Amino acid sequence: MPKHTPANVVVKRGLAGLGLFANEDIKKDSFIIEYTGELISGDEADRRGGKYLFEINSKWTIDGKNRDNIARYINHSCRPNSESDVIGKKVKFFAKRSIKQGEEITVDYGKEYFGEHIAPYGCKCEKCRKI
């Protein structure tokens, strides 16, 4: 498996609170960042709950609540510029398209998370704010 060098990113205020922003231009298909945290069982994830749980498969979940996991600041968008890829028990984010320096890095959180955590308050992504 190739070693991925993370993109130069920075946490700052975005449309939906704190977000992760490109601190350099990022080319399409480039590795951006890995989602890190404690690897826990699916049962433990159900017991803990929380917003920063990233399900790898039916058995394993990453609890990314620690602030040193800056990938946790990637916000949802209905028209995202990145996507996650599960590689073994790791979650990595890659650019779906070219991302300009200063642009917020976003991903589609999926229907279940959207329904539970975003829809009740209204989506704040750039696409939805224009509607």
Protein backbone atom coordinates (compact mmCIF):
# COMPACT_ATOMS: atom_id res chain seq x y z
CA MET A 1 0.00 0.00 0.00
CA PRO A 2 1.45 3.40 -0.94
CA LYS A 3 2.29 5.89 1.81
CA HIS A 4 0.15 9.00 1.53
CA THR A 5 1.44 12.44 2.43
CA PRO A 6 -1.36 14.61 3.84
CA ALA A 7 -2.30 17.86 2.17
CA ASN A 8 -1.55 21.17 3.87
CA VAL A 9 -4.82 21.96 5.66
CA VAL A 10 -5.94 24.28 8.45
CA VAL A 11 -8.92 24.43 10.84
CA LYS A 12 -10.85 27.72 10.83
CA ARG A 13 -14.39 29.06 10.98
CA GLY A 14 -16.67 28.06 8.10
CA LEU A 15 -20.38 28.19 7.24
CA ALA A 16 -21.27 25.41 9.69
CA GLY A 17 -18.88 26.27 12.54
CA LEU A 18 -15.28 25.10 12.50
CA GLY A 19 -14.20 23.53 9.22
CA LEU A 20 -11.14 22.14 7.49
CA PHE A 21 -9.70 24.31 4.72
CA ALA A 22 -7.09 23.76 2.03
CA ASN A 23 -3.92 25.71 2.78
CA GLU A 24 -2.66 24.91 -0.74
CA ASP A 25 -4.19 23.88 -4.06
CA ILE A 26 -5.10 20.17 -3.98
CA LYS A 27 -5.30 18.21 -7.23
CA LYS A 28 -8.17 15.87 -8.09
CA ASP A 29 -7.71 12.35 -6.63
CA SER A 30 -5.00 13.56 -4.20
CA PHE A 31 -4.90 12.26 -0.64
CA ILE A 32 -6.07 14.95 1.80
CA ILE A 33 -6.08 13.49 5.31
CA GLU A 34 -6.71 10.37 7.40
CA TYR A 35 -9.56 10.15 9.93
CA THR A 36 -7.93 9.01 13.16
CA GLY A 37 -9.11 7.94 16.57
CA GLU A 38 -9.81 4.98 18.79
CA LEU A 39 -10.84 1.80 16.95
CA ILE A 40 -13.90 0.42 18.73
CA SER A 41 -16.45 -2.32 18.09
CA GLY A 42 -19.79 -1.53 16.50
CA ASP A 43 -21.49 -2.45 19.79
CA GLU A 44 -19.26 0.00 21.70
CA ALA A 45 -20.04 2.70 19.12
CA ASP A 46 -23.77 2.12 19.65
CA ARG A 47 -23.25 2.38 23.41
CA ARG A 48 -21.18 5.60 23.19
CA GLY A 49 -23.07 7.43 20.48
CA GLY A 50 -21.74 10.78 19.32
CA LYS A 51 -21.13 12.85 16.22
CA TYR A 52 -17.55 11.75 15.48
CA LEU A 53 -18.09 8.03 14.96
CA PHE A 54 -16.98 6.82 11.53
CA GLU A 55 -18.25 3.32 10.77
CA ILE A 56 -15.70 1.24 8.88
CA ASN A 57 -17.91 -1.86 8.59
CA SER A 58 -20.48 -3.72 10.70
CA LYS A 59 -17.79 -4.73 13.22
CA TRP A 60 -15.53 -1.67 13.52
CA THR A 61 -15.90 2.07 14.04
CA ILE A 62 -13.38 4.87 14.56
CA ASP A 63 -14.23 7.24 17.41
CA GLY A 64 -12.65 10.45 16.15
CA LYS A 65 -13.76 12.76 18.97
CA ASN A 66 -10.22 13.77 20.01
CA ARG A 67 -9.22 17.22 18.80
CA ASP A 68 -5.91 15.95 17.38
CA ASN A 69 -8.04 14.26 14.70
CA ILE A 70 -8.41 17.37 12.55
CA ALA A 71 -10.21 15.34 9.87
CA ARG A 72 -13.21 15.56 12.22
CA TYR A 73 -13.57 19.18 11.09
CA ILE A 74 -14.51 18.17 7.54
CA ASN A 75 -18.09 19.40 7.25
CA HIS A 76 -20.99 17.94 5.30
CA SER A 77 -21.94 19.19 1.87
CA CYS A 78 -24.66 18.05 -0.50
CA ARG A 79 -22.11 18.81 -3.27
CA PRO A 80 -18.81 17.68 -1.65
CA ASN A 81 -15.30 18.17 -2.98
CA SER A 82 -13.84 15.11 -1.21
CA GLU A 83 -14.81 11.51 -0.52
CA SER A 84 -13.76 8.95 2.04
CA ASP A 85 -12.17 5.62 1.23
CA VAL A 86 -11.95 2.80 3.77
CA ILE A 87 -8.63 1.00 3.37
CA GLY A 88 -8.41 -1.88 5.82
CA LYS A 89 -9.26 -0.30 9.17
CA LYS A 90 -8.25 3.21 8.06
CA VAL A 91 -10.36 5.99 6.60
CA LYS A 92 -8.70 8.34 4.14
CA PHE A 93 -10.11 11.37 2.34
CA PHE A 94 -9.30 12.11 -1.30
CA ALA A 95 -10.18 15.08 -3.52
CA LYS A 96 -13.10 14.39 -5.89
CA ARG A 97 -12.06 17.42 -7.91
CA SER A 98 -9.39 20.10 -7.76
CA ILE A 99 -9.66 22.13 -4.54
CA LYS A 100 -8.36 25.69 -4.46
CA GLN A 101 -6.31 27.13 -1.60
CA GLY A 102 -8.71 28.66 0.95
CA GLU A 103 -11.62 26.40 -0.03
CA GLU A 104 -13.38 24.40 2.66
CA ILE A 105 -13.00 20.63 2.40
CA THR A 106 -16.38 18.89 2.50
CA VAL A 107 -17.80 15.38 2.24
CA ASP A 108 -21.29 13.88 2.01
CA TYR A 109 -21.99 12.43 5.47
CA GLY A 110 -24.59 10.00 4.10
CA LYS A 111 -28.34 9.64 4.53
CA GLU A 112 -28.39 8.20 8.06
CA TYR A 113 -26.16 10.88 9.61
CA PHE A 114 -27.86 13.61 7.57
CA GLY A 115 -31.30 12.49 8.76
CA GLU A 116 -30.29 12.28 12.43
CA HIS A 117 -27.96 15.26 12.87
CA ILE A 118 -28.34 17.75 10.00
CA ALA A 119 -31.91 17.67 8.62
CA PRO A 120 -33.57 18.63 11.95
CA TYR A 121 -31.56 21.90 11.98
CA GLY A 122 -31.30 22.53 8.24
CA CYS A 123 -28.29 21.93 6.03
CA LYS A 124 -25.79 24.79 6.05
CA CYS A 125 -23.72 23.71 3.05
CA GLU A 126 -23.04 26.19 0.26
CA LYS A 127 -25.45 24.42 -2.14
CA CYS A 128 -28.35 24.46 0.33
CA ARG A 129 -27.75 28.07 1.43
CA LYS A 130 -28.33 29.17 -2.18
CA ILE A 131 -31.76 27.50 -2.42
